Amino acid sequence: MNYALLIYGDEKVGEGLDSDERRETYARYEAFSAMLVERGVMRGGSELAPSSSATTIRHDGDQVSVTDGPFAETAEVFGGFYLVEADDLDAAIDLAKQLPSAVVEIRPTMTM
């Protein structure tokens, strides 16, 4: 089964990192990615551009509005994801625990 590991964080924390801290952070994500590839469970993933670059579409009946910015105003925003294959939720949790992120939401994907 495939699971999405959805990464949330405070963008202001990332903006406040100096170059060494930023390099260190990316190295931890690269090591996590390498581990997934080595185990043969990596199915995809990507870091997202800052939430300020988001465009939100809202449907209200027949009316559709398009606005700049994220859907919600929160401190923690959706910043990226990994798509992994795992036997079950427990295996997906074991993988997600190794992510260097403060908040990771795990969701099984749906087969259409």
PDB file of N, CA and C in Angstrom:
ATOM      1  N   MET A   1       0.846  -1.182   0.000  1.00  0.00           N
ATOM      2  CA  MET A   1       0.000   0.000   0.000  1.00  0.00           C
ATOM      3  C   MET A   1       0.890   1.244   0.000  1.00  0.00           C
ATOM      4  N   ASN A   2       0.429   2.281  -0.675  1.00  0.00           N
ATOM      5  CA  ASN A   2       1.170   3.539  -0.686  1.00  0.00           C
ATOM      6  C   ASN A   2       0.615   4.491   0.374  1.00  0.00           C
ATOM      7  N   TYR A   3       1.540   5.213   0.984  1.00  0.00           N
ATOM      8  CA  TYR A   3       1.201   6.217   1.990  1.00  0.00           C
ATOM      9  C   TYR A   3       1.870   7.534   1.622  1.00  0.00           C
ATOM     10  N   ALA A   4       1.151   8.628   1.838  1.00  0.00           N
ATOM     11  CA  ALA A   4       1.725   9.960   1.690  1.00  0.00           C
ATOM     12  C   ALA A   4       2.179  10.420   3.074  1.00  0.00           C
ATOM     13  N   LEU A   5       3.438  10.811   3.175  1.00  0.00           N
ATOM     14  CA  LEU A   5       3.967  11.403   4.398  1.00  0.00           C
ATOM     15  C   LEU A   5       3.963  12.908   4.158  1.00  0.00           C
ATOM     16  N   LEU A   6       3.002  13.600   4.734  1.00  0.00           N
ATOM     17  CA  LEU A   6       2.793  15.033   4.497  1.00  0.00           C
ATOM     18  C   LEU A   6       3.537  15.822   5.556  1.00  0.00           C
ATOM     19  N   ILE A   7       4.413  16.683   5.118  1.00  0.00           N
ATOM     20  CA  ILE A   7       5.306  17.408   6.019  1.00  0.00           C
ATOM     21  C   ILE A   7       4.771  18.820   6.259  1.00  0.00           C
ATOM     22  N   TYR A   8       4.618  19.155   7.527  1.00  0.00           N
ATOM     23  CA  TYR A   8       4.156  20.486   7.915  1.00  0.00           C
ATOM     24  C   TYR A   8       5.225  21.167   8.762  1.00  0.00           C
ATOM     25  N   GLY A   9       5.307  22.474   8.651  1.00  0.00           N
ATOM     26  CA  GLY A   9       6.255  23.216   9.462  1.00  0.00           C
ATOM     27  C   GLY A   9       5.995  24.701   9.394  1.00  0.00           C
ATOM     28  N   ASP A  10       6.706  25.417  10.212  1.00  0.00           N
ATOM     29  CA  ASP A  10       6.622  26.878  10.272  1.00  0.00           C
ATOM     30  C   ASP A  10       7.646  27.444   9.299  1.00  0.00           C
ATOM     31  N   GLU A  11       7.188  28.075   8.239  1.00  0.00           N
ATOM     32  CA  GLU A  11       8.102  28.619   7.235  1.00  0.00           C
ATOM     33  C   GLU A  11       9.057  29.651   7.814  1.00  0.00           C
ATOM     34  N   LYS A  12       8.624  30.377   8.841  1.00  0.00           N
ATOM     35  CA  LYS A  12       9.485  31.401   9.439  1.00  0.00           C
ATOM     36  C   LYS A  12      10.713  30.781  10.086  1.00  0.00           C
ATOM     37  N   VAL A  13      10.569  29.564  10.612  1.00  0.00           N
ATOM     38  CA  VAL A  13      11.719  28.875  11.199  1.00  0.00           C
ATOM     39  C   VAL A  13      12.742  28.597  10.104  1.00  0.00           C
ATOM     40  N   GLY A  14      12.277  28.083   8.969  1.00  0.00           N
ATOM     41  CA  GLY A  14      13.169  27.804   7.848  1.00  0.00           C
ATOM     42  C   GLY A  14      13.842  29.055   7.308  1.00  0.00           C
ATOM     43  N   GLU A  15      13.090  30.157   7.261  1.00  0.00           N
ATOM     44  CA  GLU A  15      13.648  31.416   6.768  1.00  0.00           C
ATOM     45  C   GLU A  15      14.743  31.941   7.687  1.00  0.00           C
ATOM     46  N   GLY A  16      14.663  31.586   8.971  1.00  0.00           N
ATOM     47  CA  GLY A  16      15.616  32.082   9.948  1.00  0.00           C
ATOM     48  C   GLY A  16      16.904  31.276  10.046  1.00  0.00           C
ATOM     49  N   LEU A  17      17.007  30.187   9.281  1.00  0.00           N
ATOM     50  CA  LEU A  17      18.216  29.366   9.338  1.00  0.00           C
ATOM     51  C   LEU A  17      19.376  30.039   8.617  1.00  0.00           C
ATOM     52  N   ASP A  18      20.574  29.933   9.186  1.00  0.00           N
ATOM     53  CA  ASP A  18      21.740  30.421   8.454  1.00  0.00           C
ATOM     54  C   ASP A  18      22.150  29.342   7.447  1.00  0.00           C
ATOM     55  N   SER A  19      23.120  29.623   6.609  1.00  0.00           N
ATOM     56  CA  SER A  19      23.471  28.705   5.515  1.00  0.00           C
ATOM     57  C   SER A  19      23.942  27.347   6.025  1.00  0.00           C
ATOM     58  N   ASP A  20      24.678  27.310   7.134  1.00  0.00           N
ATOM     59  CA  ASP A  20      25.123  26.030   7.685  1.00  0.00           C
ATOM     60  C   ASP A  20      23.934  25.215   8.198  1.00  0.00           C
ATOM     61  N   GLU A  21      23.019  25.870   8.902  1.00  0.00           N
ATOM     62  CA  GLU A  21      21.837  25.178   9.417  1.00  0.00           C
ATOM     63  C   GLU A  21      20.963  24.667   8.270  1.00  0.00           C
ATOM     64  N   ARG A  22      20.842  25.467   7.215  1.00  0.00           N
ATOM     65  CA  ARG A  22      20.049  25.068   6.050  1.00  0.00           C
ATOM     66  C   ARG A  22      20.674  23.845   5.376  1.00  0.00           C
ATOM     67  N   ARG A  23      21.992  23.873   5.213  1.00  0.00           N
ATOM     68  CA  ARG A  23      22.708  22.740   4.619  1.00  0.00           C
ATOM     69  C   ARG A  23      22.520  21.476   5.451  1.00  0.00           C
ATOM     70  N   GLU A  24      22.607  21.639   6.770  1.00  0.00           N
ATOM     71  CA  GLU A  24      22.426  20.528   7.697  1.00  0.00           C
ATOM     72  C   GLU A  24      21.015  19.939   7.587  1.00  0.00           C
ATOM     73  N   THR A  25      20.022  20.798   7.506  1.00  0.00           N
ATOM     74  CA  THR A  25      18.634  20.361   7.381  1.00  0.00           C
ATOM     75  C   THR A  25      18.431  19.592   6.083  1.00  0.00           C
ATOM     76  N   TYR A  26      18.913  20.152   4.969  1.00  0.00           N
ATOM     77  CA  TYR A  26      18.759  19.465   3.685  1.00  0.00           C
ATOM     78  C   TYR A  26      19.520  18.146   3.673  1.00  0.00           C
ATOM     79  N   ALA A  27      20.645  18.075   4.339  1.00  0.00           N
ATOM     80  CA  ALA A  27      21.412  16.829   4.405  1.00  0.00           C
ATOM     81  C   ALA A  27      20.606  15.742   5.120  1.00  0.00           C
ATOM     82  N   ARG A  28      19.859  16.113   6.157  1.00  0.00           N
ATOM     83  CA  ARG A  28      19.029  15.129   6.864  1.00  0.00           C
ATOM     84  C   ARG A  28      17.909  14.606   5.964  1.00  0.00           C
ATOM     85  N   TYR A  29      17.298  15.501   5.175  1.00  0.00           N
ATOM     86  CA  TYR A  29      16.262  15.061   4.234  1.00  0.00           C
ATOM     87  C   TYR A  29      16.861  14.200   3.123  1.00  0.00           C
ATOM     88  N   GLU A  30      18.039  14.575   2.648  1.00  0.00           N
ATOM     89  CA  GLU A  30      18.701  13.772   1.619  1.00  0.00           C
ATOM     90  C   GLU A  30      19.036  12.380   2.147  1.00  0.00           C
ATOM     91  N   ALA A  31      19.468  12.286   3.397  1.00  0.00           N
ATOM     92  CA  ALA A  31      19.762  10.986   3.998  1.00  0.00           C
ATOM     93  C   ALA A  31      18.476  10.157   4.128  1.00  0.00           C
ATOM     94  N   PHE A  32      17.378  10.799   4.510  1.00  0.00           N
ATOM     95  CA  PHE A  32      16.099  10.099   4.603  1.00  0.00           C
ATOM     96  C   PHE A  32      15.686   9.588   3.225  1.00  0.00           C
ATOM     97  N   SER A  33      15.802  10.435   2.209  1.00  0.00           N
ATOM     98  CA  SER A  33      15.457  10.032   0.839  1.00  0.00           C
ATOM     99  C   SER A  33      16.317   8.860   0.378  1.00  0.00           C
ATOM    100  N   ALA A  34      17.601   8.918   0.664  1.00  0.00           N
ATOM    101  CA  ALA A  34      18.514   7.849   0.272  1.00  0.00           C
ATOM    102  C   ALA A  34      18.124   6.537   0.953  1.00  0.00           C
ATOM    103  N   MET A  35      17.727   6.601   2.221  1.00  0.00           N
ATOM    104  CA  MET A  35      17.294   5.417   2.943  1.00  0.00           C
ATOM    105  C   MET A  35      16.060   4.811   2.277  1.00  0.00           C
ATOM    106  N   LEU A  36      15.104   5.661   1.878  1.00  0.00           N
ATOM    107  CA  LEU A  36      13.898   5.160   1.215  1.00  0.00           C
ATOM    108  C   LEU A  36      14.245   4.478  -0.107  1.00  0.00           C
ATOM    109  N   VAL A  37      15.130   5.103  -0.876  1.00  0.00           N
ATOM    110  CA  VAL A  37      15.545   4.526  -2.156  1.00  0.00           C
ATOM    111  C   VAL A  37      16.257   3.197  -1.922  1.00  0.00           C
ATOM    112  N   GLU A  38      17.152   3.165  -0.950  1.00  0.00           N
ATOM    113  CA  GLU A  38      17.908   1.945  -0.630  1.00  0.00           C
ATOM    114  C   GLU A  38      16.965   0.792  -0.258  1.00  0.00           C
ATOM    115  N   ARG A  39      15.905   1.101   0.467  1.00  0.00           N
ATOM    116  CA  ARG A  39      14.933   0.077   0.861  1.00  0.00           C
ATOM    117  C   ARG A  39      13.948  -0.261  -0.266  1.00  0.00           C
ATOM    118  N   GLY A  40      13.963   0.538  -1.336  1.00  0.00           N
ATOM    119  CA  GLY A  40      13.058   0.284  -2.458  1.00  0.00           C
ATOM    120  C   GLY A  40      11.618   0.680  -2.195  1.00  0.00           C
ATOM    121  N   VAL A  41      11.385   1.639  -1.288  1.00  0.00           N
ATOM    122  CA  VAL A  41      10.019   2.033  -0.939  1.00  0.00           C
ATOM    123  C   VAL A  41       9.651   3.449  -1.390  1.00  0.00           C
ATOM    124  N   MET A  42      10.605   4.170  -1.969  1.00  0.00           N
ATOM    125  CA  MET A  42      10.342   5.542  -2.432  1.00  0.00           C
ATOM    126  C   MET A  42       9.495   5.486  -3.704  1.00  0.00           C
ATOM    127  N   ARG A  43       8.371   6.186  -3.684  1.00  0.00           N
ATOM    128  CA  ARG A  43       7.494   6.249  -4.846  1.00  0.00           C
ATOM    129  C   ARG A  43       7.370   7.665  -5.398  1.00  0.00           C
ATOM    130  N   GLY A  44       7.908   8.638  -4.673  1.00  0.00           N
ATOM    131  CA  GLY A  44       7.855  10.020  -5.142  1.00  0.00           C
ATOM    132  C   GLY A  44       7.926  10.980  -3.983  1.00  0.00           C
ATOM    133  N   GLY A  45       7.858  12.253  -4.316  1.00  0.00           N
ATOM    134  CA  GLY A  45       7.855  13.272  -3.292  1.00  0.00           C
ATOM    135  C   GLY A  45       8.472  14.557  -3.799  1.00  0.00           C
ATOM    136  N   SER A  46       8.266  15.622  -3.046  1.00  0.00           N
ATOM    137  CA  SER A  46       8.821  16.908  -3.437  1.00  0.00           C
ATOM    138  C   SER A  46       8.655  17.920  -2.311  1.00  0.00           C
ATOM    139  N   GLU A  47       9.598  18.843  -2.268  1.00  0.00           N
ATOM    140  CA  GLU A  47       9.435  20.021  -1.416  1.00  0.00           C
ATOM    141  C   GLU A  47       8.543  20.983  -2.187  1.00  0.00           C
ATOM    142  N   LEU A  48       7.717  21.724  -1.484  1.00  0.00           N
ATOM    143  CA  LEU A  48       6.847  22.696  -2.130  1.00  0.00           C
ATOM    144  C   LEU A  48       7.432  24.097  -2.021  1.00  0.00           C
ATOM    145  N   ALA A  49       7.081  24.936  -2.978  1.00  0.00           N
ATOM    146  CA  ALA A  49       7.457  26.347  -2.914  1.00  0.00           C
ATOM    147  C   ALA A  49       6.755  26.965  -1.704  1.00  0.00           C
ATOM    148  N   PRO A  50       7.225  28.118  -1.226  1.00  0.00           N
ATOM    149  CA  PRO A  50       6.605  28.750  -0.050  1.00  0.00           C
ATOM    150  C   PRO A  50       5.103  28.962  -0.233  1.00  0.00           C
ATOM    151  N   SER A  51       4.378  28.948   0.885  1.00  0.00           N
ATOM    152  CA  SER A  51       2.921  29.104   0.824  1.00  0.00           C
ATOM    153  C   SER A  51       2.510  30.436   0.208  1.00  0.00           C
ATOM    154  N   SER A  52       3.382  31.421   0.251  1.00  0.00           N
ATOM    155  CA  SER A  52       3.059  32.713  -0.365  1.00  0.00           C
ATOM    156  C   SER A  52       2.890  32.595  -1.870  1.00  0.00           C
ATOM    157  N   SER A  53       3.380  31.506  -2.469  1.00  0.00           N
ATOM    158  CA  SER A  53       3.247  31.312  -3.917  1.00  0.00           C
ATOM    159  C   SER A  53       1.970  30.542  -4.270  1.00  0.00           C
ATOM    160  N   ALA A  54       1.196  30.147  -3.258  1.00  0.00           N
ATOM    161  CA  ALA A  54      -0.008  29.342  -3.491  1.00  0.00           C
ATOM    162  C   ALA A  54      -1.104  30.157  -4.161  1.00  0.00           C
ATOM    163  N   THR A  55      -1.930  29.464  -4.889  1.00  0.00           N
ATOM    164  CA  THR A  55      -3.163  30.012  -5.446  1.00  0.00           C
ATOM    165  C   THR A  55      -4.281  29.099  -4.974  1.00  0.00           C
ATOM    166  N   THR A  56      -5.359  29.684  -4.475  1.00  0.00           N
ATOM    167  CA  THR A  56      -6.467  28.901  -3.941  1.00  0.00           C
ATOM    168  C   THR A  56      -7.713  29.140  -4.781  1.00  0.00           C
ATOM    169  N   ILE A  57      -8.385  28.049  -5.126  1.00  0.00           N
ATOM    170  CA  ILE A  57      -9.647  28.115  -5.863  1.00  0.00           C
ATOM    171  C   ILE A  57     -10.747  27.658  -4.926  1.00  0.00           C
ATOM    172  N   ARG A  58     -11.806  28.467  -4.831  1.00  0.00           N
ATOM    173  CA  ARG A  58     -12.946  28.129  -3.977  1.00  0.00           C
ATOM    174  C   ARG A  58     -14.204  28.047  -4.844  1.00  0.00           C
ATOM    175  N   HIS A  59     -14.962  26.979  -4.629  1.00  0.00           N
ATOM    176  CA  HIS A  59     -16.243  26.795  -5.313  1.00  0.00           C
ATOM    177  C   HIS A  59     -17.359  27.093  -4.331  1.00  0.00           C
ATOM    178  N   ASP A  60     -18.304  27.894  -4.760  1.00  0.00           N
ATOM    179  CA  ASP A  60     -19.492  28.183  -3.961  1.00  0.00           C
ATOM    180  C   ASP A  60     -20.670  28.112  -4.924  1.00  0.00           C
ATOM    181  N   GLY A  61     -21.234  26.927  -5.012  1.00  0.00           N
ATOM    182  CA  GLY A  61     -22.294  26.733  -6.004  1.00  0.00           C
ATOM    183  C   GLY A  61     -21.701  26.868  -7.399  1.00  0.00           C
ATOM    184  N   ASP A  62     -22.290  27.766  -8.184  1.00  0.00           N
ATOM    185  CA  ASP A  62     -21.796  28.007  -9.541  1.00  0.00           C
ATOM    186  C   ASP A  62     -20.670  29.026  -9.577  1.00  0.00           C
ATOM    187  N   GLN A  63     -20.416  29.676  -8.466  1.00  0.00           N
ATOM    188  CA  GLN A  63     -19.380  30.705  -8.398  1.00  0.00           C
ATOM    189  C   GLN A  63     -18.027  30.076  -8.082  1.00  0.00           C
ATOM    190  N   VAL A  64     -17.001  30.523  -8.799  1.00  0.00           N
ATOM    191  CA  VAL A  64     -15.637  30.068  -8.545  1.00  0.00           C
ATOM    192  C   VAL A  64     -14.773  31.303  -8.355  1.00  0.00           C
ATOM    193  N   SER A  65     -14.026  31.328  -7.250  1.00  0.00           N
ATOM    194  CA  SER A  65     -13.116  32.452  -7.021  1.00  0.00           C
ATOM    195  C   SER A  65     -11.690  31.926  -6.970  1.00  0.00           C
ATOM    196  N   VAL A  66     -10.784  32.743  -7.458  1.00  0.00           N
ATOM    197  CA  VAL A  66      -9.363  32.417  -7.449  1.00  0.00           C
ATOM    198  C   VAL A  66      -8.658  33.510  -6.661  1.00  0.00           C
ATOM    199  N   THR A  67      -7.902  33.103  -5.630  1.00  0.00           N
ATOM    200  CA  THR A  67      -7.195  34.075  -4.813  1.00  0.00           C
ATOM    201  C   THR A  67      -5.746  33.655  -4.643  1.00  0.00           C
ATOM    202  N   ASP A  68      -4.900  34.646  -4.423  1.00  0.00           N
ATOM    203  CA  ASP A  68      -3.496  34.370  -4.139  1.00  0.00           C
ATOM    204  C   ASP A  68      -3.368  33.967  -2.679  1.00  0.00           C
ATOM    205  N   GLY A  69      -2.465  33.050  -2.420  1.00  0.00           N
ATOM    206  CA  GLY A  69      -2.174  32.668  -1.044  1.00  0.00           C
ATOM    207  C   GLY A  69      -2.767  31.330  -0.686  1.00  0.00           C
ATOM    208  N   PRO A  70      -2.357  30.819   0.471  1.00  0.00           N
ATOM    209  CA  PRO A  70      -2.819  29.505   0.921  1.00  0.00           C
ATOM    210  C   PRO A  70      -4.270  29.551   1.389  1.00  0.00           C
ATOM    211  N   PHE A  71      -4.861  28.377   1.503  1.00  0.00           N
ATOM    212  CA  PHE A  71      -6.255  28.242   1.952  1.00  0.00           C
ATOM    213  C   PHE A  71      -6.422  28.710   3.390  1.00  0.00           C
ATOM    214  N   ALA A  72      -5.499  28.313   4.267  1.00  0.00           N
ATOM    215  CA  ALA A  72      -5.628  28.619   5.690  1.00  0.00           C
ATOM    216  C   ALA A  72      -4.476  29.496   6.160  1.00  0.00           C
ATOM    217  N   GLU A  73      -4.771  30.346   7.099  1.00  0.00           N
ATOM    218  CA  GLU A  73      -3.743  31.178   7.724  1.00  0.00           C
ATOM    219  C   GLU A  73      -3.315  30.479   9.006  1.00  0.00           C
ATOM    220  N   THR A  74      -2.228  29.723   8.942  1.00  0.00           N
ATOM    221  CA  THR A  74      -1.740  29.017  10.116  1.00  0.00           C
ATOM    222  C   THR A  74      -0.233  29.147  10.186  1.00  0.00           C
ATOM    223  N   ALA A  75       0.322  28.866  11.349  1.00  0.00           N
ATOM    224  CA  ALA A  75       1.778  28.911  11.503  1.00  0.00           C
ATOM    225  C   ALA A  75       2.427  27.734  10.793  1.00  0.00           C
ATOM    226  N   GLU A  76       1.802  26.555  10.894  1.00  0.00           N
ATOM    227  CA  GLU A  76       2.356  25.375  10.245  1.00  0.00           C
ATOM    228  C   GLU A  76       1.673  25.183   8.905  1.00  0.00           C
ATOM    229  N   VAL A  77       2.477  25.142   7.852  1.00  0.00           N
ATOM    230  CA  VAL A  77       1.939  24.982   6.510  1.00  0.00           C
ATOM    231  C   VAL A  77       2.474  23.697   5.885  1.00  0.00           C
ATOM    232  N   PHE A  78       1.763  23.220   4.890  1.00  0.00           N
ATOM    233  CA  PHE A  78       2.148  22.029   4.149  1.00  0.00           C
ATOM    234  C   PHE A  78       3.363  22.396   3.296  1.00  0.00           C
ATOM    235  N   GLY A  79       4.491  21.746   3.568  1.00  0.00           N
ATOM    236  CA  GLY A  79       5.733  22.137   2.911  1.00  0.00           C
ATOM    237  C   GLY A  79       6.312  21.120   1.953  1.00  0.00           C
ATOM    238  N   GLY A  80       5.797  19.904   1.972  1.00  0.00           N
ATOM    239  CA  GLY A  80       6.316  18.888   1.071  1.00  0.00           C
ATOM    240  C   GLY A  80       5.774  17.524   1.443  1.00  0.00           C
ATOM    241  N   PHE A  81       6.172  16.519   0.672  1.00  0.00           N
ATOM    242  CA  PHE A  81       5.657  15.182   0.923  1.00  0.00           C
ATOM    243  C   PHE A  81       6.597  14.124   0.367  1.00  0.00           C
ATOM    244  N   TYR A  82       6.441  12.955   0.905  1.00  0.00           N
ATOM    245  CA  TYR A  82       7.056  11.746   0.362  1.00  0.00           C
ATOM    246  C   TYR A  82       5.916  10.775   0.078  1.00  0.00           C
ATOM    247  N   LEU A  83       6.006  10.054  -0.997  1.00  0.00           N
ATOM    248  CA  LEU A  83       5.084   8.971  -1.284  1.00  0.00           C
ATOM    249  C   LEU A  83       5.886   7.687  -1.136  1.00  0.00           C
ATOM    250  N   VAL A  84       5.463   6.845  -0.195  1.00  0.00           N
ATOM    251  CA  VAL A  84       6.218   5.634   0.112  1.00  0.00           C
ATOM    252  C   VAL A  84       5.310   4.417   0.023  1.00  0.00           C
ATOM    253  N   GLU A  85       5.937   3.266  -0.189  1.00  0.00           N
ATOM    254  CA  GLU A  85       5.215   2.004  -0.133  1.00  0.00           C
ATOM    255  C   GLU A  85       5.544   1.341   1.195  1.00  0.00           C
ATOM    256  N   ALA A  86       4.506   0.897   1.886  1.00  0.00           N
ATOM    257  CA  ALA A  86       4.694   0.225   3.179  1.00  0.00           C
ATOM    258  C   ALA A  86       3.650  -0.871   3.303  1.00  0.00           C
ATOM    259  N   ASP A  87       4.003  -1.915   4.029  1.00  0.00           N
ATOM    260  CA  ASP A  87       3.085  -3.044   4.198  1.00  0.00           C
ATOM    261  C   ASP A  87       1.804  -2.651   4.922  1.00  0.00           C
ATOM    262  N   ASP A  88       1.933  -1.735   5.886  1.00  0.00           N
ATOM    263  CA  ASP A  88       0.775  -1.325   6.674  1.00  0.00           C
ATOM    264  C   ASP A  88       1.085   0.013   7.343  1.00  0.00           C
ATOM    265  N   LEU A  89       0.112   0.511   8.098  1.00  0.00           N
ATOM    266  CA  LEU A  89       0.276   1.807   8.756  1.00  0.00           C
ATOM    267  C   LEU A  89       1.449   1.799   9.723  1.00  0.00           C
ATOM    268  N   ASP A  90       1.632   0.713  10.451  1.00  0.00           N
ATOM    269  CA  ASP A  90       2.750   0.653  11.396  1.00  0.00           C
ATOM    270  C   ASP A  90       4.093   0.825  10.681  1.00  0.00           C
ATOM    271  N   ALA A  91       4.240   0.206   9.521  1.00  0.00           N
ATOM    272  CA  ALA A  91       5.483   0.349   8.747  1.00  0.00           C
ATOM    273  C   ALA A  91       5.636   1.778   8.250  1.00  0.00           C
ATOM    274  N   ALA A  92       4.537   2.411   7.846  1.00  0.00           N
ATOM    275  CA  ALA A  92       4.592   3.810   7.400  1.00  0.00           C
ATOM    276  C   ALA A  92       4.965   4.725   8.566  1.00  0.00           C
ATOM    277  N   ILE A  93       4.446   4.435   9.741  1.00  0.00           N
ATOM    278  CA  ILE A  93       4.786   5.214  10.936  1.00  0.00           C
ATOM    279  C   ILE A  93       6.269   5.081  11.245  1.00  0.00           C
ATOM    280  N   ASP A  94       6.792   3.869  11.151  1.00  0.00           N
ATOM    281  CA  ASP A  94       8.220   3.655  11.405  1.00  0.00           C
ATOM    282  C   ASP A  94       9.078   4.486  10.456  1.00  0.00           C
ATOM    283  N   LEU A  95       8.665   4.586   9.197  1.00  0.00           N
ATOM    284  CA  LEU A  95       9.400   5.416   8.245  1.00  0.00           C
ATOM    285  C   LEU A  95       9.269   6.898   8.614  1.00  0.00           C
ATOM    286  N   ALA A  96       8.045   7.328   8.876  1.00  0.00           N
ATOM    287  CA  ALA A  96       7.795   8.744   9.161  1.00  0.00           C
ATOM    288  C   ALA A  96       8.525   9.227  10.411  1.00  0.00           C
ATOM    289  N   LYS A  97       8.720   8.346  11.373  1.00  0.00           N
ATOM    290  CA  LYS A  97       9.441   8.716  12.601  1.00  0.00           C
ATOM    291  C   LYS A  97      10.883   9.124  12.307  1.00  0.00           C
ATOM    292  N   GLN A  98      11.396   8.698  11.171  1.00  0.00           N
ATOM    293  CA  GLN A  98      12.778   8.999  10.815  1.00  0.00           C
ATOM    294  C   GLN A  98      12.921  10.322  10.060  1.00  0.00           C
ATOM    295  N   LEU A  99      11.802  10.936   9.707  1.00  0.00           N
ATOM    296  CA  LEU A  99      11.842  12.235   9.030  1.00  0.00           C
ATOM    297  C   LEU A  99      12.305  13.313   9.999  1.00  0.00           C
ATOM    298  N   PRO A 100      13.144  14.235   9.544  1.00  0.00           N
ATOM    299  CA  PRO A 100      13.595  15.324  10.422  1.00  0.00           C
ATOM    300  C   PRO A 100      12.594  16.474  10.484  1.00  0.00           C
ATOM    301  N   SER A 101      11.316  16.149  10.571  1.00  0.00           N
ATOM    302  CA  SER A 101      10.258  17.161  10.583  1.00  0.00           C
ATOM    303  C   SER A 101       9.504  17.106  11.896  1.00  0.00           C
ATOM    304  N   ALA A 102       9.044  18.263  12.335  1.00  0.00           N
ATOM    305  CA  ALA A 102       8.313  18.333  13.594  1.00  0.00           C
ATOM    306  C   ALA A 102       6.933  17.704  13.466  1.00  0.00           C
ATOM    307  N   VAL A 103       6.279  17.898  12.326  1.00  0.00           N
ATOM    308  CA  VAL A 103       4.919  17.400  12.135  1.00  0.00           C
ATOM    309  C   VAL A 103       4.837  16.669  10.804  1.00  0.00           C
ATOM    310  N   VAL A 104       4.418  15.401  10.871  1.00  0.00           N
ATOM    311  CA  VAL A 104       4.226  14.594   9.666  1.00  0.00           C
ATOM    312  C   VAL A 104       2.854  13.935   9.768  1.00  0.00           C
ATOM    313  N   GLU A 105       2.025  14.179   8.782  1.00  0.00           N
ATOM    314  CA  GLU A 105       0.722  13.531   8.695  1.00  0.00           C
ATOM    315  C   GLU A 105       0.863  12.360   7.729  1.00  0.00           C
ATOM    316  N   ILE A 106       0.349  11.207   8.106  1.00  0.00           N
ATOM    317  CA  ILE A 106       0.446  10.002   7.278  1.00  0.00           C
ATOM    318  C   ILE A 106      -0.942   9.670   6.765  1.00  0.00           C
ATOM    319  N   ARG A 107      -1.045   9.517   5.444  1.00  0.00           N
ATOM    320  CA  ARG A 107      -2.342   9.148   4.862  1.00  0.00           C
ATOM    321  C   ARG A 107      -2.152   8.069   3.812  1.00  0.00           C
ATOM    322  N   PRO A 108      -2.979   7.016   3.881  1.00  0.00           N
ATOM    323  CA  PRO A 108      -2.935   6.042   2.793  1.00  0.00           C
ATOM    324  C   PRO A 108      -3.502   6.684   1.527  1.00  0.00           C
ATOM    325  N   THR A 109      -2.974   6.276   0.391  1.00  0.00           N
ATOM    326  CA  THR A 109      -3.509   6.789  -0.864  1.00  0.00           C
ATOM    327  C   THR A 109      -4.650   5.892  -1.305  1.00  0.00           C
ATOM    328  N   MET A 110      -5.520   6.428  -2.122  1.00  0.00           N
ATOM    329  CA  MET A 110      -6.674   5.692  -2.627  1.00  0.00           C
ATOM    330  C   MET A 110      -6.353   5.173  -4.027  1.00  0.00           C
ATOM    331  N   THR A 111      -6.825   3.980  -4.307  1.00  0.00           N
ATOM    332  CA  THR A 111      -6.698   3.426  -5.652  1.00  0.00           C
ATOM    333  C   THR A 111      -8.003   3.688  -6.380  1.00  0.00           C
ATOM    334  N   MET A 112      -7.900   4.337  -7.516  1.00  0.00           N
ATOM    335  CA  MET A 112      -9.102   4.662  -8.293  1.00  0.00           C
ATOM    336  C   MET A 112      -9.284   3.667  -9.404  1.00  0.00           C
TER     337      MET A 112
END
